C-alpha atoms as a PDB file:
ATOM      1  CA  UNK A   1    -128.952  -5.856  32.423  1.00  0.00           C
ATOM      2  CA  UNK A   2    -125.302  -7.240  33.739  1.00  0.00           C
ATOM      3  CA  UNK A   3    -122.869  -4.323  33.870  1.00  0.00           C
ATOM      4  CA  UNK A   4    -119.450  -4.876  34.765  1.00  0.00           C
ATOM      5  CA  UNK A   5    -117.729  -0.842  35.744  1.00  0.00           C
ATOM      6  CA  UNK A   6    -114.137  -0.754  35.379  1.00  0.00           C
ATOM      7  CA  UNK A   7    -113.243   2.148  37.526  1.00  0.00           C
ATOM      8  CA  UNK A   8    -110.368   2.984  39.490  1.00  0.00           C
ATOM      9  CA  UNK A   9    -111.605   5.826  41.136  1.00  0.00           C
ATOM     10  CA  UNK A  10    -114.215   4.906  44.186  1.00  0.00           C
ATOM     11  CA  UNK A  11    -116.882   7.862  44.730  1.00  0.00           C
ATOM     12  CA  UNK A  12    -117.059   8.383  40.838  1.00  0.00           C
ATOM     13  CA  UNK A  13    -117.338   4.414  40.970  1.00  0.00           C
ATOM     14  CA  UNK A  14    -120.088   4.590  43.010  1.00  0.00           C
ATOM     15  CA  UNK A  15    -122.579   7.770  41.748  1.00  0.00           C
ATOM     16  CA  UNK A  16    -122.132   5.617  38.105  1.00  0.00           C
ATOM     17  CA  UNK A  17    -123.408   2.429  39.843  1.00  0.00           C
ATOM     18  CA  UNK A  18    -126.368   4.293  41.444  1.00  0.00           C
ATOM     19  CA  UNK A  19    -127.321   5.515  37.757  1.00  0.00           C
ATOM     20  CA  UNK A  20    -126.955   2.316  36.915  1.00  0.00           C
ATOM     21  CA  UNK A  21    -128.909   0.911  39.108  1.00  0.00           C
ATOM     22  CA  UNK A  22    -131.874   3.780  39.209  1.00  0.00           C
ATOM     23  CA  UNK A  23    -132.290   2.172  35.671  1.00  0.00           C
ATOM     24  CA  UNK A  24    -132.663  -1.874  35.608  1.00  0.00           C
ATOM     25  CA  UNK A  25    -128.534  -2.335  35.347  1.00  0.00           C
ATOM     26  CA  UNK A  26    -126.358  -5.443  37.395  1.00  0.00           C
ATOM     27  CA  UNK A  27    -123.730  -3.049  38.427  1.00  0.00           C
ATOM     28  CA  UNK A  28    -119.774  -5.260  39.421  1.00  0.00           C
ATOM     29  CA  UNK A  29    -117.183  -3.017  40.558  1.00  0.00           C
ATOM     30  CA  UNK A  30    -113.727  -3.577  39.331  1.00  0.00           C
ATOM     31  CA  UNK A  31    -110.959  -0.980  39.949  1.00  0.00           C
ATOM     32  CA  UNK A  32    -108.159  -2.315  38.134  1.00  0.00           C
ATOM     33  CA  UNK A  33    -107.854  -4.354  34.989  1.00  0.00           C
ATOM     34  CA  UNK A  34    -107.211  -6.973  36.091  1.00  0.00           C
ATOM     35  CA  UNK A  35    -109.942  -7.123  38.684  1.00  0.00           C
ATOM     36  CA  UNK A  36    -112.597  -6.487  35.566  1.00  0.00           C
ATOM     37  CA  UNK A  37    -109.993  -9.597  33.371  1.00  0.00           C
ATOM     38  CA  UNK A  38    -111.187 -12.084  36.470  1.00  0.00           C
ATOM     39  CA  UNK A  39    -114.360 -10.439  36.751  1.00  0.00           C
ATOM     40  CA  UNK A  40    -114.360 -11.921  33.332  1.00  0.00           C
ATOM     41  CA  UNK A  41    -113.849 -15.865  33.861  1.00  0.00           C
ATOM     42  CA  UNK A  42    -115.058 -18.075  32.037  1.00  0.00           C
ATOM     43  CA  UNK A  43    -116.289 -16.390  28.690  1.00  0.00           C
ATOM     44  CA  UNK A  44    -117.887 -12.809  30.162  1.00  0.00           C
ATOM     45  CA  UNK A  45    -119.803 -14.287  33.055  1.00  0.00           C
ATOM     46  CA  UNK A  46    -122.946 -13.078  31.775  1.00  0.00           C
ATOM     47  CA  UNK A  47    -122.373  -9.235  31.163  1.00  0.00           C
ATOM     48  CA  UNK A  48    -124.067  -6.977  28.789  1.00  0.00           C
ATOM     49  CA  UNK A  49    -121.285  -4.740  28.524  1.00  0.00           C
ATOM     50  CA  UNK A  50    -118.600  -3.823  30.109  1.00  0.00           C
ATOM     51  CA  UNK A  51    -117.637   0.194  31.201  1.00  0.00           C
ATOM     52  CA  UNK A  52    -113.829   0.456  30.459  1.00  0.00           C
ATOM     53  CA  UNK A  53    -112.392   4.262  32.276  1.00  0.00           C
ATOM     54  CA  UNK A  54    -108.755   3.945  30.588  1.00  0.00           C
ATOM     55  CA  UNK A  55    -107.406   5.729  33.896  1.00  0.00           C
ATOM     56  CA  UNK A  56    -106.063   1.715  35.126  1.00  0.00           C
ATOM     57  CA  UNK A  57    -103.726   1.722  38.080  1.00  0.00           C
ATOM     58  CA  UNK A  58    -101.423  -1.384  36.963  1.00  0.00           C
ATOM     59  CA  UNK A  59    -102.608  -1.337  33.287  1.00  0.00           C
ATOM     60  CA  UNK A  60    -103.305   0.986  30.525  1.00  0.00           C
ATOM     61  CA  UNK A  61    -106.466   0.413  29.285  1.00  0.00           C
ATOM     62  CA  UNK A  62    -106.341   0.072  26.129  1.00  0.00           C
ATOM     63  CA  UNK A  63    -104.130  -3.147  26.463  1.00  0.00           C
ATOM     64  CA  UNK A  64    -106.832  -4.051  29.485  1.00  0.00           C
ATOM     65  CA  UNK A  65    -109.490  -3.826  26.165  1.00  0.00           C
ATOM     66  CA  UNK A  66    -107.427  -5.742  23.471  1.00  0.00           C
ATOM     67  CA  UNK A  67    -107.030  -8.865  26.763  1.00  0.00           C
ATOM     68  CA  UNK A  68    -111.219  -8.193  27.034  1.00  0.00           C
ATOM     69  CA  UNK A  69    -111.690  -8.720  23.125  1.00  0.00           C
ATOM     70  CA  UNK A  70    -109.903 -12.016  22.720  1.00  0.00           C
ATOM     71  CA  UNK A  71    -111.458 -13.120  25.396  1.00  0.00           C
ATOM     72  CA  UNK A  72    -115.390 -12.168  24.844  1.00  0.00           C
ATOM     73  CA  UNK A  73    -117.486 -11.289  22.539  1.00  0.00           C
ATOM     74  CA  UNK A  74    -119.405  -8.724  25.163  1.00  0.00           C
ATOM     75  CA  UNK A  75    -119.472  -4.747  24.065  1.00  0.00           C
ATOM     76  CA  UNK A  76    -116.255  -2.987  25.323  1.00  0.00           C
ATOM     77  CA  UNK A  77    -117.869   1.055  25.906  1.00  0.00           C
ATOM     78  CA  UNK A  78    -114.672   2.957  26.585  1.00  0.00           C
ATOM     79  CA  UNK A  79    -114.914   6.108  28.714  1.00  0.00           C
ATOM     80  CA  UNK A  80    -111.567   8.375  29.045  1.00  0.00           C
ATOM     81  CA  UNK A  81    -111.097  13.103  28.835  1.00  0.00           C
ATOM     82  CA  UNK A  82    -109.212  11.395  25.532  1.00  0.00           C
ATOM     83  CA  UNK A  83    -110.540  13.853  22.979  1.00  0.00           C
ATOM     84  CA  UNK A  84    -109.112  14.010  19.814  1.00  0.00           C
ATOM     85  CA  UNK A  85    -109.468  11.383  16.887  1.00  0.00           C
ATOM     86  CA  UNK A  86    -106.583  10.021  17.129  1.00  0.00           C
ATOM     87  CA  UNK A  87    -107.029   8.470  20.717  1.00  0.00           C
ATOM     88  CA  UNK A  88    -110.560   7.271  19.470  1.00  0.00           C
ATOM     89  CA  UNK A  89    -109.601   5.422  16.559  1.00  0.00           C
ATOM     90  CA  UNK A  90    -107.108   3.583  18.807  1.00  0.00           C
ATOM     91  CA  UNK A  91    -110.094   2.357  21.337  1.00  0.00           C
ATOM     92  CA  UNK A  92    -112.044   0.975  18.367  1.00  0.00           C
ATOM     93  CA  UNK A  93    -109.132  -0.369  16.854  1.00  0.00           C
ATOM     94  CA  UNK A  94    -107.964  -2.348  20.069  1.00  0.00           C
ATOM     95  CA  UNK A  95    -111.797  -4.050  19.880  1.00  0.00           C
ATOM     96  CA  UNK A  96    -114.102  -1.586  22.032  1.00  0.00           C
ATOM     97  CA  UNK A  97    -118.077  -1.152  20.564  1.00  0.00           C
ATOM     98  CA  UNK A  98    -118.049   3.080  21.105  1.00  0.00           C
ATOM     99  CA  UNK A  99    -116.099   6.077  22.901  1.00  0.00           C
ATOM    100  CA  UNK A 100    -117.507   8.396  25.570  1.00  0.00           C
ATOM    101  CA  UNK A 101    -115.672  11.672  26.756  1.00  0.00           C
ATOM    102  CA  UNK A 102    -115.221  12.508  29.557  1.00  0.00           C
ATOM    103  CA  UNK A 103    -117.707  15.083  30.722  1.00  0.00           C
ATOM    104  CA  UNK A 104    -120.208  13.200  29.491  1.00  0.00           C
ATOM    105  CA  UNK A 105    -124.147  13.796  29.856  1.00  0.00           C
ATOM    106  CA  UNK A 106    -125.182  10.562  31.728  1.00  0.00           C
ATOM    107  CA  UNK A 107    -128.359  10.351  29.661  1.00  0.00           C
ATOM    108  CA  UNK A 108    -126.107   9.667  26.481  1.00  0.00           C
ATOM    109  CA  UNK A 109    -124.487   7.005  28.483  1.00  0.00           C
ATOM    110  CA  UNK A 110    -127.017   5.325  28.945  1.00  0.00           C
ATOM    111  CA  UNK A 111    -128.337   5.700  24.486  1.00  0.00           C
ATOM    112  CA  UNK A 112    -125.141   3.548  24.089  1.00  0.00           C
ATOM    113  CA  UNK A 113    -125.028   1.167  26.196  1.00  0.00           C
ATOM    114  CA  UNK A 114    -128.381  -0.115  24.995  1.00  0.00           C
ATOM    115  CA  UNK A 115    -127.785   1.297  21.256  1.00  0.00           C
ATOM    116  CA  UNK A 116    -124.229  -1.022  22.002  1.00  0.00           C
ATOM    117  CA  UNK A 117    -126.252  -4.140  23.474  1.00  0.00           C
ATOM    118  CA  UNK A 118    -128.350  -3.789  19.909  1.00  0.00           C
ATOM    119  CA  UNK A 119    -126.171  -4.129  17.734  1.00  0.00           C
ATOM    120  CA  UNK A 120    -125.394  -7.492  19.210  1.00  0.00           C
ATOM    121  CA  UNK A 121    -128.709  -8.300  20.758  1.00  0.00           C
ATOM    122  CA  UNK A 122    -129.206 -11.219  17.897  1.00  0.00           C
ATOM    123  CA  UNK A 123    -127.077 -14.043  20.224  1.00  0.00           C
ATOM    124  CA  UNK A 124    -130.207 -13.901  22.588  1.00  0.00           C
ATOM    125  CA  UNK A 125    -132.038 -17.136  21.510  1.00  0.00           C
ATOM    126  CA  UNK A 126    -135.080 -15.783  21.354  1.00  0.00           C
ATOM    127  CA  UNK A 127    -133.412 -13.970  17.760  1.00  0.00           C
ATOM    128  CA  UNK A 128    -133.822 -16.309  14.301  1.00  0.00           C
ATOM    129  CA  UNK A 129    -130.852 -15.640  12.124  1.00  0.00           C
ATOM    130  CA  UNK A 130    -129.264 -11.584  13.426  1.00  0.00           C
ATOM    131  CA  UNK A 131    -132.996 -10.065  10.968  1.00  0.00           C
ATOM    132  CA  UNK A 132    -135.823 -11.070  13.205  1.00  0.00           C
ATOM    133  CA  UNK A 133    -137.552 -11.956  17.042  1.00  0.00           C
ATOM    134  CA  UNK A 134    -139.669 -14.642  17.015  1.00  0.00           C
ATOM    135  CA  UNK A 135    -142.048 -14.769  19.775  1.00  0.00           C
ATOM    136  CA  UNK A 136    -145.154 -16.957  20.081  1.00  0.00           C
ATOM    137  CA  UNK A 137    -146.807 -16.014  17.155  1.00  0.00           C
ATOM    138  CA  UNK A 138    -145.551 -12.555  16.812  1.00  0.00           C
ATOM    139  CA  UNK A 139    -142.300 -12.226  13.948  1.00  0.00           C
ATOM    140  CA  UNK A 140    -140.223  -8.684  14.374  1.00  0.00           C
ATOM    141  CA  UNK A 141    -138.374  -8.399  11.290  1.00  0.00           C
ATOM    142  CA  UNK A 142    -136.159  -5.308  12.016  1.00  0.00           C
ATOM    143  CA  UNK A 143    -134.802  -4.620   8.671  1.00  0.00           C
ATOM    144  CA  UNK A 144    -137.716  -3.945   7.454  1.00  0.00           C
ATOM    145  CA  UNK A 145    -139.748  -3.174  10.635  1.00  0.00           C
ATOM    146  CA  UNK A 146    -142.553  -5.321   9.739  1.00  0.00           C
ATOM    147  CA  UNK A 147    -144.076  -7.151  11.937  1.00  0.00           C
ATOM    148  CA  UNK A 148    -146.653  -9.900  12.168  1.00  0.00           C
ATOM    149  CA  UNK A 149    -149.218 -11.822  14.670  1.00  0.00           C
ATOM    150  CA  UNK A 150    -150.236 -15.497  13.117  1.00  0.00           C
ATOM    151  CA  UNK A 151    -148.483 -14.534   9.391  1.00  0.00           C
ATOM    152  CA  UNK A 152    -151.296 -11.760   8.939  1.00  0.00           C
ATOM    153  CA  UNK A 153    -148.671  -8.029   8.831  1.00  0.00           C
ATOM    154  CA  UNK A 154    -149.886  -5.728  11.347  1.00  0.00           C
ATOM    155  CA  UNK A 155    -149.142  -2.500  10.756  1.00  0.00           C
ATOM    156  CA  UNK A 156    -147.436  -0.254  13.308  1.00  0.00           C
ATOM    157  CA  UNK A 157    -145.616   4.099  14.141  1.00  0.00           C
ATOM    158  CA  UNK A 158    -142.608   4.630  14.049  1.00  0.00           C
ATOM    159  CA  UNK A 159    -142.445   4.611  17.789  1.00  0.00           C
ATOM    160  CA  UNK A 160    -144.178   1.795  17.761  1.00  0.00           C
ATOM    161  CA  UNK A 161    -142.056  -0.474  16.418  1.00  0.00           C
ATOM    162  CA  UNK A 162    -139.329   0.639  17.954  1.00  0.00           C
ATOM    163  CA  UNK A 163    -140.890   0.329  21.644  1.00  0.00           C
ATOM    164  CA  UNK A 164    -142.349  -3.688  20.854  1.00  0.00           C
ATOM    165  CA  UNK A 165    -138.944  -4.762  19.709  1.00  0.00           C
ATOM    166  CA  UNK A 166    -137.261  -3.164  22.367  1.00  0.00           C
ATOM    167  CA  UNK A 167    -139.301  -4.720  24.819  1.00  0.00           C
ATOM    168  CA  UNK A 168    -139.020  -8.656  22.425  1.00  0.00           C
ATOM    169  CA  UNK A 169    -135.125  -8.365  23.136  1.00  0.00           C
ATOM    170  CA  UNK A 170    -135.448  -9.429  26.265  1.00  0.00           C
ATOM    171  CA  UNK A 171    -138.221 -11.024  27.226  1.00  0.00           C
ATOM    172  CA  UNK A 172    -139.405 -10.853  30.749  1.00  0.00           C
ATOM    173  CA  UNK A 173    -137.415  -8.820  31.886  1.00  0.00           C
ATOM    174  CA  UNK A 174    -138.663  -5.037  33.395  1.00  0.00           C
ATOM    175  CA  UNK A 175    -137.502  -2.177  31.156  1.00  0.00           C
ATOM    176  CA  UNK A 176    -137.768   1.074  34.027  1.00  0.00           C
ATOM    177  CA  UNK A 177    -140.132   3.856  32.561  1.00  0.00           C
ATOM    178  CA  UNK A 178    -137.500   5.606  31.943  1.00  0.00           C
ATOM    179  CA  UNK A 179    -134.775   3.238  30.556  1.00  0.00           C
ATOM    180  CA  UNK A 180    -137.663   3.173  28.041  1.00  0.00           C
ATOM    181  CA  UNK A 181    -138.177   6.172  27.545  1.00  0.00           C
ATOM    182  CA  UNK A 182    -134.171   7.407  27.201  1.00  0.00           C
ATOM    183  CA  UNK A 183    -133.701   4.755  24.726  1.00  0.00           C
ATOM    184  CA  UNK A 184    -137.259   4.541  22.288  1.00  0.00           C
ATOM    185  CA  UNK A 185    -138.033   8.846  22.661  1.00  0.00           C
ATOM    186  CA  UNK A 186    -134.226   9.292  22.460  1.00  0.00           C
ATOM    187  CA  UNK A 187    -135.165  11.489  25.549  1.00  0.00           C
ATOM    188  CA  UNK A 188    -135.927  12.334  29.787  1.00  0.00           C
ATOM    189  CA  UNK A 189    -139.544  11.289  31.306  1.00  0.00           C
ATOM    190  CA  UNK A 190    -140.543  14.077  32.497  1.00  0.00           C
ATOM    191  CA  UNK A 191    -143.595  15.509  30.223  1.00  0.00           C
ATOM    192  CA  UNK A 192    -143.036  12.349  28.074  1.00  0.00           C
ATOM    193  CA  UNK A 193    -144.546   9.632  30.288  1.00  0.00           C
ATOM    194  CA  UNK A 194    -148.193   9.441  28.959  1.00  0.00           C
ATOM    195  CA  UNK A 195    -146.765   9.785  26.129  1.00  0.00           C
ATOM    196  CA  UNK A 196    -145.242   6.099  26.549  1.00  0.00           C
ATOM    197  CA  UNK A 197    -148.773   4.914  28.069  1.00  0.00           C
ATOM    198  CA  UNK A 198    -150.767   5.590  25.275  1.00  0.00           C
ATOM    199  CA  UNK A 199    -147.988   4.646  23.128  1.00  0.00           C
ATOM    200  CA  UNK A 200    -148.658   0.963  25.711  1.00  0.00           C
ATOM    201  CA  UNK A 201    -152.183   0.931  24.967  1.00  0.00           C
ATOM    202  CA  UNK A 202    -152.159   1.623  21.341  1.00  0.00           C
ATOM    203  CA  UNK A 203    -149.372  -2.203  20.879  1.00  0.00           C
ATOM    204  CA  UNK A 204    -152.178  -4.123  22.926  1.00  0.00           C
ATOM    205  CA  UNK A 205    -155.199  -3.037  20.967  1.00  0.00           C
ATOM    206  CA  UNK A 206    -152.943  -3.567  17.400  1.00  0.00           C
ATOM    207  CA  UNK A 207    -151.470  -6.315  18.019  1.00  0.00           C
ATOM    208  CA  UNK A 208    -154.944  -7.784  19.688  1.00  0.00           C
ATOM    209  CA  UNK A 209    -152.722  -9.526  22.689  1.00  0.00           C
ATOM    210  CA  UNK A 210    -153.203  -7.069  25.814  1.00  0.00           C
ATOM    211  CA  UNK A 211    -151.191  -8.950  28.292  1.00  0.00           C
ATOM    212  CA  UNK A 212    -148.290  -9.649  26.362  1.00  0.00           C
ATOM    213  CA  UNK A 213    -147.850  -6.333  27.055  1.00  0.00           C
ATOM    214  CA  UNK A 214    -147.052  -6.612  31.326  1.00  0.00           C
ATOM    215  CA  UNK A 215    -147.226  -3.495  33.782  1.00  0.00           C
ATOM    216  CA  UNK A 216    -144.934  -3.938  36.988  1.00  0.00           C
ATOM    217  CA  UNK A 217    -146.734  -1.406  39.167  1.00  0.00           C
ATOM    218  CA  UNK A 218    -143.555   1.731  40.073  1.00  0.00           C
ATOM    219  CA  UNK A 219    -141.629   0.331  37.857  1.00  0.00           C
ATOM    220  CA  UNK A 220    -141.752  -0.280  33.710  1.00  0.00           C
ATOM    221  CA  UNK A 221    -142.639  -2.863  31.476  1.00  0.00           C
ATOM    222  CA  UNK A 222    -141.870  -5.564  30.251  1.00  0.00           C
ATOM    223  CA  UNK A 223    -143.093  -8.828  27.197  1.00  0.00           C
ATOM    224  CA  UNK A 224    -144.953 -11.233  28.510  1.00  0.00           C
ATOM    225  CA  UNK A 225    -143.743 -14.417  25.712  1.00  0.00           C
ATOM    226  CA  UNK A 226    -147.036 -15.539  24.303  1.00  0.00           C
ATOM    227  CA  UNK A 227    -146.749 -20.221  23.641  1.00  0.00           C
ATOM    228  CA  UNK A 228    -145.691 -20.882  20.752  1.00  0.00           C
END
């Protein structure tokens, strides 16, 4: 996923960009509100999320958020030291999709990025309306959490469904192991790796499509969209 990081502190931006890159993000760094707005011309230029620090040198961060919202529907997560309820409400009213208060836990930030991405996943061309993902013979009903292959319902556990839905929302994209664990299990990679491997093996067996989820050695997994 491409992510636009709007942060005027180069040291903070460098450290955060390194963390995001390790979790599979392609980061573009803007140091001011004007740079951010230029990066979003035309029509968002393919960014999945904008991570917007409110303490910018040239413009008020809230105003930048409002301008971003007028030109693109790309999700915006505000990052600020202002923790009062009034500031959070104002940020949401200006068009932010979420609000993170400094100092924040990196795992929480990653989870929030993935969460706002999920909420806009219906814009992906693989979706059917806003309620289903349709990949060849595989249909994933998001509201009912039901999966079928060639019309036959496949019974999945809660985590199996969450894992499949995550991979299916970005067919062909490699999800790092750490990213999957953070998103599906809401925890860190340590001690959870074997659990992920077991769930991938179970999905392959239940769907009777061993090639559906491909292992990318040393990195993670990706869903290989089958032919219709």
